Amino acid sequence: MYLLSDQPDMTGLFINQNTKVRVQKLTEEGIEVIIHARGDKLGFIPYCNLLTNINQLFKGKSLYVRYLGYNERYLLLTEEGA
């Protein structure tokens, strides 16, 4: 079990919050995803934080993820259960 942070950060998400995303693009390091619930924000899941086989990923596929934080470019995520 993961505990949510007490307050949302500047993205409006709580650390360890679960949300649904859609795959946008596969990169060399991981996958870019779109979080529609937060105004189409761009997120990133490194391959090491992914449970789904990369051969089963395609643009538009839905995944359930956990929010870990953010950097200047992405919301940082891990696939739920990883």
Protein backbone atom coordinates (compact mmCIF):
# COMPACT_ATOMS: atom_id res chain seq x y z
CA MET A 1 0.00 0.00 0.00
CA TYR A 2 1.24 3.50 -0.85
CA LEU A 3 0.30 6.60 1.07
CA LEU A 4 -0.83 9.71 -0.78
CA SER A 5 0.90 12.97 0.03
CA ASP A 6 -1.05 15.43 2.18
CA GLN A 7 -1.24 18.11 -0.50
CA PRO A 8 -1.20 18.01 -4.29
CA ASP A 9 1.94 19.45 -5.85
CA MET A 10 1.94 22.21 -8.47
CA THR A 11 0.66 19.73 -11.10
CA GLY A 12 -2.52 19.16 -9.11
CA LEU A 13 -1.62 15.52 -8.46
CA PHE A 14 -0.79 13.82 -5.18
CA ILE A 15 2.41 11.77 -4.93
CA ASN A 16 1.44 8.07 -5.34
CA GLN A 17 -1.95 9.01 -6.83
CA ASN A 18 -3.27 6.48 -9.35
CA THR A 19 -4.53 7.70 -12.70
CA LYS A 20 -5.20 6.47 -16.21
CA VAL A 21 -3.01 7.52 -19.15
CA ARG A 22 -2.83 6.90 -22.90
CA VAL A 23 0.36 5.99 -24.71
CA GLN A 24 1.55 8.81 -26.94
CA LYS A 25 4.99 7.72 -28.17
CA LEU A 26 7.66 5.06 -27.52
CA THR A 27 11.19 6.45 -27.05
CA GLU A 28 14.59 4.86 -26.45
CA GLU A 29 14.29 5.34 -22.67
CA GLY A 30 10.58 4.71 -22.09
CA ILE A 31 7.13 5.81 -23.18
CA GLU A 32 5.54 9.24 -23.35
CA VAL A 33 1.93 9.27 -22.19
CA ILE A 34 -0.89 11.81 -22.01
CA ILE A 35 -2.85 12.35 -18.80
CA HIS A 36 -6.24 13.65 -19.96
CA ALA A 37 -7.56 14.11 -16.41
CA ARG A 38 -5.02 16.89 -15.87
CA GLY A 39 -5.51 18.95 -19.01
CA ASP A 40 -3.56 16.74 -21.40
CA LYS A 41 -0.28 16.84 -19.47
CA LEU A 42 2.68 14.91 -20.85
CA GLY A 43 4.01 12.09 -18.66
CA PHE A 44 6.87 9.62 -18.93
CA ILE A 45 7.26 5.99 -17.84
CA PRO A 46 10.81 4.56 -18.04
CA TYR A 47 10.91 1.00 -19.35
CA CYS A 48 12.21 -0.16 -15.94
CA ASN A 49 8.89 1.05 -14.39
CA LEU A 50 6.74 -0.76 -16.94
CA LEU A 51 5.04 -4.15 -16.48
CA THR A 52 3.35 -4.32 -19.89
CA ASN A 53 5.38 -5.99 -22.63
CA ILE A 54 6.59 -3.27 -25.01
CA ASN A 55 5.40 -5.34 -27.97
CA GLN A 56 1.84 -4.82 -26.69
CA LEU A 57 2.12 -1.01 -26.56
CA PHE A 58 0.70 1.26 -29.24
CA LYS A 59 -0.43 4.86 -29.51
CA GLY A 60 -3.73 5.30 -27.68
CA LYS A 61 -3.38 2.23 -25.42
CA SER A 62 -4.58 2.89 -21.86
CA LEU A 63 -2.45 2.14 -18.81
CA TYR A 64 -3.04 2.66 -15.11
CA VAL A 65 -0.13 4.42 -13.45
CA ARG A 66 1.07 5.88 -10.17
CA TYR A 67 2.37 9.46 -10.06
CA LEU A 68 5.91 9.83 -8.67
CA GLY A 69 6.67 13.51 -9.22
CA TYR A 70 7.72 15.77 -12.07
CA ASN A 71 10.65 17.43 -13.76
CA GLU A 72 10.79 20.35 -16.17
CA ARG A 73 9.65 18.17 -19.08
CA TYR A 74 7.41 15.37 -17.77
CA LEU A 75 5.18 14.05 -15.04
CA LEU A 76 7.12 11.00 -13.81
CA LEU A 77 5.10 7.80 -13.55
CA THR A 78 5.31 4.08 -12.90
CA GLU A 79 2.85 1.50 -14.18
CA GLU A 80 0.48 0.36 -11.44
CA GLY A 81 1.87 -2.76 -9.80
CA ALA A 82 5.51 -2.10 -10.77
